[in-house]
Protein backbone atom coordinates (compact mmCIF):
# COMPACT_ATOMS: atom_id res chain seq x y z
CA MET A 1 125.46 64.65 204.36
CA SER A 2 125.28 63.57 201.25
CA ASN A 3 123.10 60.29 202.79
CA VAL A 4 120.69 63.06 203.75
CA PHE A 5 120.70 64.23 199.87
CA GLU A 6 120.46 60.61 198.18
CA ASN A 7 117.15 59.89 200.79
CA ASP A 8 114.91 62.74 199.81
CA SER A 9 112.80 63.03 197.09
CA PRO A 10 110.82 65.78 196.33
CA SER A 11 107.41 63.99 195.08
CA ASN A 12 106.34 60.47 195.45
CA LEU A 13 106.71 59.18 191.69
CA ALA A 14 108.14 55.76 190.85
CA GLU A 15 111.66 55.96 189.74
CA TYR A 16 112.43 53.70 186.47
CA SER A 17 115.93 53.43 184.53
CA VAL A 18 115.71 54.42 180.86
CA SER A 19 115.47 50.72 179.68
CA GLU A 20 112.27 50.40 181.90
CA LEU A 21 110.54 53.67 180.44
CA SER A 22 111.99 53.08 176.46
CA GLY A 23 109.97 49.72 176.93
CA SER A 24 107.33 50.69 178.92
CA ILE A 25 106.37 53.69 175.85
CA LYS A 26 106.43 50.72 173.24
CA ARG A 27 104.44 48.78 174.90
CA THR A 28 101.87 51.49 175.33
CA VAL A 29 102.73 52.42 171.89
CA GLU A 30 102.08 48.95 170.87
CA THR A 31 98.24 48.31 172.56
CA ALA A 32 96.54 52.03 171.36
CA PHE A 33 98.50 51.60 167.66
CA ASP A 34 97.80 47.68 166.98
CA GLN A 35 96.36 48.64 163.68
CA VAL A 36 95.67 51.83 162.33
CA ARG A 37 95.48 53.03 158.14
CA VAL A 38 98.14 55.96 157.54
CA ARG A 39 97.45 57.71 154.99
CA GLY A 40 100.19 60.11 153.88
CA GLU A 41 103.42 60.78 151.04
CA ILE A 42 106.68 58.11 150.57
CA SER A 43 109.88 60.40 151.17
CA GLY A 44 112.81 59.15 150.93
CA TYR A 45 112.69 55.62 149.57
CA ARG A 46 116.12 54.32 148.48
CA GLY A 47 114.52 50.35 147.35
CA PRO A 48 114.94 47.66 149.63
CA HIS A 49 118.45 47.32 151.77
CA SER A 50 120.59 44.30 151.39
CA SER A 51 119.00 43.01 154.48
CA GLY A 52 115.88 43.09 152.33
CA HIS A 53 113.84 45.09 154.08
CA ALA A 54 113.03 48.96 153.19
CA TYR A 55 113.05 51.59 155.43
CA PHE A 56 111.56 55.83 154.50
CA SER A 57 109.18 57.40 155.79
CA LEU A 58 105.64 58.81 155.53
CA LYS A 59 105.32 62.57 155.51
CA ASP A 60 102.00 65.23 155.04
CA ASP A 61 102.62 69.11 155.18
CA ARG A 62 102.72 69.60 158.80
CA ALA A 63 104.38 66.03 160.10
CA ARG A 64 106.27 63.57 159.15
CA ILE A 65 106.55 59.50 160.37
CA ASP A 66 109.36 57.07 159.65
CA ALA A 67 108.12 53.26 158.18
CA VAL A 68 109.67 50.31 157.47
CA VAL A 69 108.80 47.37 155.62
CA TRP A 70 109.82 43.93 156.74
CA LYS A 71 112.09 41.05 154.37
CA GLY A 72 108.58 39.29 154.33
CA ASN A 73 105.69 41.58 153.49
CA PHE A 74 108.00 43.60 150.93
CA SER A 75 107.57 40.39 148.71
CA ARG A 76 103.79 40.19 148.93
CA LEU A 77 102.80 44.34 148.17
CA LYS A 78 101.21 44.06 145.12
CA PHE A 79 103.66 46.77 143.29
CA ARG A 80 106.88 48.72 144.06
CA PRO A 81 107.12 51.78 146.32
CA GLU A 82 107.45 54.41 144.38
CA GLU A 83 109.18 58.51 145.60
CA GLY A 84 106.72 60.75 145.80
CA MET A 85 103.84 58.12 145.70
CA GLU A 86 101.14 58.80 148.29
CA VAL A 87 99.88 55.53 149.47
CA ILE A 88 97.75 53.97 152.19
CA ALA A 89 99.70 51.88 154.43
CA THR A 90 98.13 49.19 157.36
CA GLY A 91 100.33 48.74 160.03
CA LYS A 92 100.79 48.70 163.79
CA VAL A 93 103.16 52.04 164.94
CA THR A 94 105.88 50.39 167.55
CA THR A 95 108.97 52.55 169.11
CA PHE A 96 112.88 51.90 168.35
CA PRO A 97 114.22 52.31 172.19
CA GLY A 98 117.65 52.53 170.76
CA SER A 99 116.96 56.29 169.98
CA SER A 100 113.72 56.82 171.52
CA LYS A 101 111.95 56.97 167.96
CA TYR A 102 109.04 55.72 166.83
CA GLN A 103 108.08 53.98 162.87
CA ILE A 104 104.83 52.35 161.58
CA VAL A 105 105.04 48.90 160.99
CA ILE A 106 103.40 48.68 157.19
CA GLU A 107 102.23 45.62 156.68
CA THR A 108 100.21 45.99 153.34
CA LEU A 109 100.58 49.02 151.21
CA GLU A 110 98.10 50.67 148.15
CA PRO A 111 98.16 53.65 146.60
CA ALA A 112 95.88 56.21 147.06
CA GLY A 113 93.20 55.97 144.62
CA ALA A 114 92.99 55.09 140.63
CA GLY A 115 93.70 58.84 140.20
CA ALA A 116 97.02 58.74 142.53
CA LEU A 117 98.09 55.80 140.15
CA MET A 118 97.03 57.24 136.87
CA ALA A 119 99.03 60.38 137.91
CA LEU A 120 102.05 58.61 138.68
CA ILE A 121 101.20 56.64 135.30
CA GLU A 122 101.13 60.30 133.34
CA GLU A 123 104.68 61.30 135.04
CA ARG A 124 106.50 58.11 133.92
CA LYS A 125 105.00 58.28 130.44
CA ARG A 126 105.98 61.89 130.34
CA ARG A 127 109.19 61.74 131.47
CA LEU A 128 109.91 58.08 129.58
CA GLY A 129 108.81 59.85 126.37
CA ALA A 130 110.69 63.33 126.76
CA GLU A 131 113.63 60.17 126.96
CA GLY A 132 112.17 59.81 123.10
CA LEU A 133 111.54 55.52 123.76
CA PHE A 134 108.02 56.22 122.72
CA ASP A 135 108.83 57.53 119.22
CA GLN A 136 107.20 56.61 116.11
CA SER A 137 110.94 56.92 114.02
CA ARG A 138 111.89 53.99 117.17
CA LYS A 139 109.41 51.51 115.78
CA ARG A 140 110.27 48.59 113.55
CA ARG A 141 107.31 46.71 111.36
CA LEU A 142 106.23 43.12 111.96
CA PRO A 143 107.72 40.71 109.30
CA PHE A 144 105.30 39.08 106.85
CA MET A 145 106.02 35.41 107.44
CA PRO A 146 108.31 35.04 110.85
CA LYS A 147 109.19 31.66 111.05
CA VAL A 148 109.74 31.66 114.96
CA ILE A 149 107.62 33.09 117.17
CA GLY A 150 108.68 34.52 121.29
CA VAL A 151 105.70 34.62 123.55
CA VAL A 152 106.78 35.90 127.01
CA THR A 153 102.94 35.00 129.22
CA SER A 154 102.35 32.50 132.05
CA PRO A 155 102.56 29.77 131.13
CA THR A 156 99.10 28.53 133.11
CA GLY A 157 96.60 30.72 131.97
CA ALA A 158 93.74 30.82 128.87
CA VAL A 159 95.94 33.17 127.07
CA ILE A 160 98.84 31.36 125.04
CA ARG A 161 96.08 28.62 124.95
CA ASP A 162 94.16 30.83 122.86
CA ILE A 163 97.34 32.80 120.52
CA LEU A 164 98.37 28.63 120.02
CA HIS A 165 95.16 27.28 118.94
CA ARG A 166 94.93 30.74 116.87
CA ILE A 167 98.57 30.57 115.46
CA SER A 168 97.69 27.08 114.85
CA ASP A 169 94.63 27.66 112.72
CA ARG A 170 95.74 30.94 110.84
CA PHE A 171 99.81 29.46 109.74
CA PRO A 172 100.98 26.94 111.94
CA VAL A 173 105.28 28.00 112.75
CA HIS A 174 107.42 26.93 115.75
CA VAL A 175 106.29 28.71 118.94
CA ILE A 176 108.67 29.21 121.98
CA VAL A 177 106.99 30.23 125.21
CA TRP A 178 109.06 32.26 127.59
CA PRO A 179 107.03 31.06 131.15
CA VAL A 180 107.15 34.39 133.64
CA LYS A 181 105.02 36.04 136.36
CA VAL A 182 102.27 38.62 135.29
CA GLN A 183 101.50 39.98 138.22
CA GLY A 184 102.95 40.41 141.54
CA GLU A 185 106.03 41.22 142.71
CA GLY A 186 108.94 40.79 140.82
CA SER A 187 107.02 39.94 137.79
CA GLY A 188 108.13 43.49 135.99
CA GLU A 189 111.90 41.85 136.06
CA GLU A 190 111.27 38.77 134.73
CA VAL A 191 109.18 40.20 131.80
CA ALA A 192 111.89 42.66 131.14
CA ASN A 193 114.69 39.76 131.96
CA ALA A 194 112.57 37.26 129.02
CA ILE A 195 112.52 39.99 126.29
CA ARG A 196 116.06 40.91 126.57
CA GLY A 197 116.95 36.99 127.06
CA PHE A 198 115.19 36.32 123.60
CA ASN A 199 116.72 39.37 122.08
CA SER A 200 120.69 37.98 123.40
CA PHE A 201 119.70 34.29 121.50
CA GLU A 202 122.12 34.19 118.03
CA PRO A 203 120.65 33.60 115.05
CA SER A 204 122.46 30.81 114.76
CA GLY A 205 122.71 29.01 117.64
CA ASP A 206 120.95 26.10 119.05
CA MET A 207 118.10 27.24 120.46
CA PRO A 208 116.00 29.70 117.06
CA ARG A 209 115.88 33.27 117.10
CA PRO A 210 111.93 34.36 117.47
CA ASP A 211 111.44 36.84 114.62
CA VAL A 212 108.80 38.87 116.71
CA LEU A 213 107.72 38.47 120.59
CA ILE A 214 104.47 39.09 122.16
CA VAL A 215 103.92 39.56 125.65
CA ALA A 216 100.60 38.92 126.78
CA ARG A 217 98.14 38.69 129.49
CA GLY A 218 94.82 39.05 130.42
CA GLY A 219 92.40 41.47 131.06
CA GLY A 220 92.39 42.92 135.06
CA SER A 221 92.43 45.90 137.10
CA LEU A 222 94.60 48.59 137.16
CA GLU A 223 96.84 47.28 139.54
CA ASP A 224 96.42 43.95 138.38
CA LEU A 225 98.77 45.40 135.73
CA TRP A 226 100.75 47.52 137.11
CA SER A 227 103.94 45.08 136.39
CA PHE A 228 103.60 46.10 132.32
CA ASN A 229 103.67 50.03 133.66
CA ASP A 230 107.24 49.33 135.52
CA GLU A 231 109.98 51.55 134.06
CA ILE A 232 111.93 48.43 133.71
CA VAL A 233 109.89 46.41 131.44
CA VAL A 234 109.04 49.73 129.17
CA ARG A 235 112.72 50.39 128.64
CA ALA A 236 112.99 46.44 127.97
CA ALA A 237 110.45 46.26 125.09
CA ALA A 238 112.17 49.86 124.21
CA GLU A 239 115.71 48.37 123.61
CA SER A 240 114.14 44.76 121.81
CA GLN A 241 116.00 44.54 118.55
CA ILE A 242 113.51 41.55 117.19
CA PRO A 243 110.17 43.62 116.77
CA LEU A 244 107.39 43.47 119.80
CA ILE A 245 103.50 42.88 120.00
CA SER A 246 101.69 44.39 123.12
CA ALA A 247 98.87 42.08 124.40
CA VAL A 248 98.07 43.28 127.62
CA GLY A 249 94.30 43.45 128.97
CA HIS A 250 91.56 44.37 127.10
CA GLU A 251 90.99 46.56 124.50
CA THR A 252 90.70 49.27 127.14
CA ASP A 253 92.88 48.37 128.99
CA TRP A 254 96.46 50.62 128.35
CA THR A 255 99.53 50.44 130.04
CA LEU A 256 103.28 52.22 129.16
CA ILE A 257 104.93 49.19 127.30
CA ASP A 258 102.45 49.43 124.58
CA TYR A 259 103.31 52.54 124.18
CA ALA A 260 107.57 51.50 123.86
CA ALA A 261 105.79 48.75 121.63
CA ASP A 262 106.25 48.80 117.94
CA VAL A 263 102.64 46.86 117.57
CA ARG A 264 99.80 47.12 120.38
CA ALA A 265 97.06 44.70 119.76
CA PRO A 266 93.82 44.47 120.97
CA THR A 267 93.54 41.32 122.38
CA PRO A 268 96.24 38.72 122.68
CA THR A 269 94.39 36.67 120.18
CA GLY A 270 95.00 39.96 117.97
CA ALA A 271 98.02 39.76 118.71
CA ALA A 272 98.62 36.56 116.82
CA GLU A 273 96.20 37.12 114.21
CA MET A 274 98.93 40.34 113.79
CA ALA A 275 101.98 37.82 114.60
CA VAL A 276 101.02 35.35 111.01
CA PRO A 277 98.74 35.82 107.75
CA VAL A 278 96.42 33.52 106.63
CA LYS A 279 98.02 30.36 105.00
CA ALA A 280 94.73 29.46 103.14
CA GLU A 281 94.20 32.83 102.05
CA LEU A 282 97.74 32.98 100.70
CA GLY A 283 97.43 30.28 98.93
CA ALA A 284 94.28 31.13 96.87
CA GLN A 285 96.10 34.51 96.33
CA THR A 286 98.76 32.76 94.89
CA ALA A 287 96.99 30.87 93.12
CA ALA A 288 95.40 34.22 91.49
CA LEU A 289 98.24 35.89 90.99
CA ALA A 290 99.83 33.07 89.26
CA ALA A 291 96.65 32.61 86.92
CA ARG A 292 97.10 36.31 86.26
CA LEU A 293 100.45 36.19 85.63
CA GLN A 294 100.57 33.13 82.98
CA GLY A 295 97.42 35.24 81.45
CA CYS A 296 99.42 38.29 80.63
CA MET A 297 102.14 35.97 79.38
CA ASN A 298 99.55 34.65 76.67
CA ARG A 299 98.63 37.74 76.07
CA ARG A 300 102.01 39.47 75.53
CA MET A 301 103.22 36.49 73.18
CA ASP A 302 100.26 36.45 71.10
CA HIS A 303 101.77 40.13 70.89
CA HIS A 304 105.13 39.13 69.76
CA ARG A 305 103.84 36.97 67.54
CA GLN A 306 101.58 39.44 65.82
CA SER A 307 103.92 41.90 65.66
CA VAL A 308 106.85 39.51 63.97
CA ARG A 309 104.40 38.01 61.68
CA ALA A 310 103.87 42.35 60.33
CA LEU A 311 107.81 42.55 60.57
CA VAL A 312 107.86 38.89 58.30
CA ARG A 313 105.40 40.39 55.75
CA ALA A 314 107.65 43.16 55.24
CA LEU A 315 110.63 42.22 54.21
CA PRO A 316 111.37 40.86 51.18
CA SER A 317 111.76 38.00 48.93
CA LEU A 318 114.91 35.59 48.84
CA ASP A 319 115.23 36.48 45.26
CA GLN A 320 114.54 39.69 46.17
CA LEU A 321 117.26 39.63 48.47
CA LEU A 322 119.57 37.80 46.50
CA ALA A 323 119.16 39.44 43.08
CA LEU A 324 122.33 42.08 43.26
CA PRO A 325 124.39 40.05 44.60
CA ARG A 326 124.45 37.29 42.16
CA ARG A 327 124.29 40.15 39.46
CA ARG A 328 127.67 41.15 40.86
CA PHE A 329 128.85 37.01 40.78
CA ASP A 330 128.61 36.67 36.91
CA GLU A 331 129.81 39.64 35.73
CA ALA A 332 132.78 39.20 37.91
CA ALA A 333 133.00 35.44 36.68
CA ALA A 334 132.40 36.05 33.28
CA GLY A 335 135.54 38.50 33.12
CA LEU A 336 137.84 36.53 35.00
CA GLY A 337 138.60 34.14 31.57
CA ARG A 338 139.00 37.41 30.89
CA GLY A 339 141.50 38.32 33.50
CA LEU A 340 143.33 35.62 33.67
CA GLU A 341 144.20 35.78 30.39
CA LEU A 342 145.64 39.35 30.32
CA ASN A 343 147.41 38.08 33.13
CA THR A 344 149.06 35.88 31.92
CA ILE A 345 150.38 37.85 28.34
CA ASN A 346 151.82 40.21 31.46
CA LYS A 347 153.87 37.65 32.84
CA ARG A 348 154.49 36.38 30.02
CA ARG A 349 156.04 39.62 28.64
CA SER A 350 157.58 40.56 32.54
CA PHE A 351 159.44 36.46 31.58
CA GLU A 352 160.89 37.42 27.77
CA ARG A 353 162.31 41.33 28.93
CA THR A 354 163.93 39.67 32.45
CA ALA A 355 164.71 36.50 30.41
CA ALA A 356 166.64 38.68 27.13
CA HIS A 357 169.26 39.79 29.77
CA LEU A 358 170.41 36.00 30.85
CA ARG A 359 171.95 34.92 27.37
CA PRO A 360 175.28 33.05 27.23
CA ASP A 361 177.12 35.40 25.38
CA VAL A 362 176.11 37.82 27.76
CA LEU A 363 177.00 36.30 31.20
CA SER A 364 180.01 35.00 29.07
CA ASN A 365 181.78 38.35 28.27
CA ARG A 366 180.21 40.13 32.39
CA ILE A 367 182.70 36.52 33.47
CA THR A 368 185.49 38.44 31.42
CA GLU A 369 185.17 41.23 31.78
CA ARG A 370 185.30 40.86 35.17
CA ARG A 371 188.35 37.96 35.35
CA GLN A 372 190.35 41.35 33.56
CA TYR A 373 189.24 43.63 36.26
CA LEU A 374 190.40 41.34 39.33
CA ASN A 375 194.13 40.46 37.72
CA GLU A 376 194.41 44.73 37.17
CA ARG A 377 193.72 45.40 40.64
CA MET A 378 195.47 41.78 41.98
CA THR A 379 198.50 43.59 39.00
CA ARG A 380 198.37 46.78 40.57
CA ALA A 381 198.18 45.33 44.19
CA GLU A 382 201.72 43.03 43.63
CA ARG A 383 203.71 46.23 42.68
CA THR A 384 202.15 48.68 45.33
CA ILE A 385 203.00 45.92 48.12
CA GLU A 386 206.87 45.48 45.90
CA ARG A 387 207.52 49.64 46.34
CA LEU A 388 206.76 49.25 49.99
CA LEU A 389 208.70 46.92 50.21
CA ASP A 390 211.77 48.75 48.93
CA ARG A 391 210.82 51.80 50.20
CA SER A 392 210.85 50.21 53.85
CA LYS A 393 214.40 47.94 53.08
CA SER A 394 215.91 51.78 52.30
CA ARG A 395 214.52 52.72 55.82
CA VAL A 396 215.95 49.83 57.43
CA GLY A 397 219.32 50.59 55.75
CA ARG A 398 219.68 54.66 56.85
CA ALA A 399 218.27 52.98 60.50
CA ASP A 400 221.78 50.70 60.40
CA ALA A 401 223.82 53.68 58.93
CA ILE A 402 223.21 55.80 61.27
CA PHE A 403 223.35 53.24 64.68
CA ALA A 404 226.36 52.23 62.56
CA THR A 405 227.82 54.99 63.06
CA LEU A 406 226.77 56.27 67.20
CA PRO A 407 229.47 56.19 69.89
CA ALA A 408 229.79 52.54 71.53
CA ARG A 409 227.74 54.20 74.84
CA LEU A 410 224.88 55.19 72.55
CA LYS A 411 224.65 52.24 71.49
CA THR A 412 224.32 50.20 75.19
CA GLN A 413 221.64 53.19 75.77
CA THR A 414 219.82 51.84 72.83
CA ALA A 415 219.81 48.27 73.06
CA ARG A 416 219.09 48.51 76.73
CA GLN A 417 215.50 50.33 75.43
CA ARG A 418 215.14 48.00 73.09
CA ASP A 419 215.66 45.28 75.32
CA HIS A 420 213.14 47.01 78.24
CA LEU A 421 210.75 47.99 74.42
CA ALA A 422 211.35 44.37 74.04
CA ASN A 423 209.87 43.97 77.38
CA LEU A 424 207.01 46.05 77.45
CA SER A 425 206.03 44.32 74.16
CA ARG A 426 205.91 40.73 76.20
CA HIS A 427 204.05 41.96 78.89
CA ALA A 428 201.72 44.07 76.77
CA ASP A 429 201.22 41.01 74.21
CA THR A 430 200.55 38.95 77.06
CA ALA A 431 198.10 41.15 78.61
CA VAL A 432 196.35 40.48 75.41
CA ARG A 433 196.43 37.22 75.26
CA HIS A 434 195.25 36.87 79.14
CA GLN A 435 191.97 39.79 78.03
CA LEU A 436 191.27 38.00 74.74
CA THR A 437 191.15 34.67 76.84
CA ARG A 438 189.28 36.78 79.03
CA ALA A 439 186.89 37.86 76.62
CA ARG A 440 187.00 34.61 74.39
CA GLY A 441 185.26 32.64 78.20
CA GLU A 442 182.87 35.78 78.47
CA LEU A 443 181.73 35.04 75.45
CA THR A 444 181.32 31.46 75.34
CA ALA A 445 179.21 32.18 78.30
CA GLN A 446 177.40 34.35 76.63
CA ASP A 447 176.95 31.94 74.04
CA ARG A 448 175.92 28.79 76.07
CA VAL A 449 173.05 31.23 77.58
CA LEU A 450 171.65 32.26 73.97
CA GLN A 451 171.93 28.74 72.89
CA SER A 452 170.32 27.54 76.07
CA LEU A 453 167.13 30.61 75.24
CA SER A 454 167.51 30.31 72.07
CA TYR A 455 163.81 28.95 70.55
CA LYS A 456 165.89 26.37 67.81
CA ASN A 457 166.80 24.31 70.84
CA VAL A 458 162.86 23.79 70.93
CA LEU A 459 163.17 23.44 67.06
CA LYS A 460 165.74 19.90 67.08
CA ARG A 461 163.34 18.89 68.67
CA GLY A 462 160.70 18.31 66.49
CA TYR A 463 158.98 21.87 66.77
CA ALA A 464 158.58 24.76 64.44
CA VAL A 465 158.13 28.15 63.25
CA ILE A 466 154.96 29.70 61.27
CA ARG A 467 155.68 33.43 59.59
CA ASP A 468 153.33 34.90 57.02
CA ASP A 469 153.95 36.51 54.30
CA GLU A 470 155.59 39.69 56.12
CA ASN A 471 158.11 36.94 57.83
CA ARG A 472 155.57 38.01 61.68
CA PRO A 473 155.68 34.69 63.95
CA VAL A 474 152.08 33.38 63.53
CA SER A 475 150.44 32.03 66.82
CA GLN A 476 146.94 31.36 66.33
CA ALA A 477 145.49 29.78 63.46
CA ALA A 478 142.55 32.26 63.54
CA MET A 479 144.71 35.09 61.94
CA LEU A 480 145.74 32.59 58.68
CA ALA A 481 143.00 32.74 56.16
CA SER A 482 142.50 30.39 53.80
CA GLY A 483 145.00 30.56 50.60
CA THR A 484 147.41 33.00 52.40
CA GLY A 485 151.38 31.75 51.99
CA ILE A 486 153.19 31.46 55.12
CA SER A 487 156.84 29.79 55.74
CA ILE A 488 157.78 26.97 58.02
CA GLU A 489 161.02 26.91 59.83
CA PHE A 490 162.18 23.96 60.74
CA ALA A 491 165.46 22.82 63.06
CA ASP A 492 167.39 22.71 59.52
CA GLY A 493 166.08 25.70 57.28
CA ARG A 494 162.71 26.78 55.90
CA VAL A 495 159.91 25.68 53.28
CA GLY A 496 156.98 27.96 51.99
CA ALA A 497 153.37 26.15 51.69
CA VAL A 498 149.70 27.69 51.69
CA THR A 499 147.32 27.91 53.67
CA THR A 500 143.76 25.91 52.84
CA ASP A 501 140.61 25.38 54.96
CA GLY A 502 141.44 22.37 57.07
CA GLY A 503 141.88 18.14 56.50
CA THR A 504 143.83 16.91 53.49
CA SER A 505 142.43 15.95 50.55
CA SER A 506 142.22 12.90 48.32
CA ALA A 507 144.38 15.12 45.45
CA GLN A 508 146.94 16.01 48.53
CA LYS A 509 147.23 11.88 50.58
CA LYS A 510 148.10 10.78 46.73
CA ARG A 511 150.72 12.61 46.30
CA ALA A 512 151.87 12.08 48.90
CA ALA A 513 151.63 8.46 48.30
CA LYS A 514 153.95 8.49 45.13
CA PRO A 515 157.53 8.66 44.99
CA HIS A 516 159.82 11.78 45.15
CA ASP A 517 160.86 11.55 41.77
CA GLU A 518 156.73 10.86 40.04
CA GLN A 519 155.95 13.93 41.59
CA ALA A 520 154.52 15.56 38.80
CA PRO A 521 155.34 19.62 38.71
CA PRO A 522 153.60 21.87 40.66
CA LYS A 523 150.54 24.14 39.17
CA GLN A 524 149.88 28.13 39.12
CA GLY A 525 147.95 28.25 42.37
CA SER A 526 144.40 29.74 42.69
CA LEU A 527 144.04 33.70 42.18
CA PHE A 528 141.57 33.47 44.97
């Protein structure tokens, strides 16, 4: 029964296995759609896979087709695909037998017209502008005279030669070139890495850090300049701590890096002119400013000279200035002699009044009176002592009599108490001696400390202490005026002295040369 059913066939159709049918469909589709151009919107794009291939979909308002870009073709694309971008894909349609799906294998990919690219640029510009990357407050001023300039561009194009030539003509400085690709796949990453690389230089490192950066490229179509519209390049330019000049394309070409840069130059040559001033113009300007400064200084000196002359004419003459002090000096000199005479008379009168009380007979009478008073005091003291002795003897006699009348038991008790009192007295004497010895030792130790800290030990080594007329120590020579009386304390006593203007006069040298017994008596010092 089963064999009958196996051999029966409802029709004459050929029988295929699943693999044969899938392979036939694959060959048919690839033959019919070997080279097609498909226009659609990119959907589901997540970037290249870890294998390097890119998988996404193309769709319109009614259908959807899977798409794949193999690794080799992906590196040759002129721009990076993005989600929602309308593109024209060229490739072939094939099937994937493992899941009964068909897809287009893209060989080339291009935007669906310039309008689509411009719409993409506007949308990206709006989004990055909303993040504040294009704000004027973020932009920095270019340094007036940079020492090092960093250039990010292609090392083989005419752009770098124009920049170097223009810088050398205007103001030769050190230029560091970071070579990058300025077009094609991976060029955006290289430009961004170059900007971040220059910013990573240490100011004191082996490689000098640039003071200003120039990102330059020659003119081209919108597709040629597409790398400078990449988001990674715009963010790197906005994050740069070094002032950045954008010089991409011609004057009419605008890219997103122009909005993020600190300054936009119309051409690479214009960027070089913005980066450095003209050395000859600076020299001429410096010379003009130096001439103006010299002229201002000369006019200023003439003005001050005229002012000084006017002030000199307004000042009084030397005779007028000295007239009043000279008159005061003459009056003081005229009254000096009379003043000295009156002072001498007053001193003599005072001396005579004092000498009147120093006669020998007065001194003898005072000595006699003191001697008599002392004798009387001594006599009275002797009498007082005798009375005290007699009174003590009578007390002792009465005590002996009372003691003799005491019974023997009381005498024994009294004797015991007397012995106890004698012992206590001896202990007290011993304690007092020990206390005196300890106090004497402490006093001796404190005296040694005092002697070690005393300034008199310093005086024994040849030093002296100067004191003024109020007995205050003098530590500086400026504290003493000429003619001031001072006392000099040595280790064995004090002597008096009078200060002078310094040095030793010839008269003092002569007095120092004479023997002590031949020195003249001291004269009265000056009153001034």
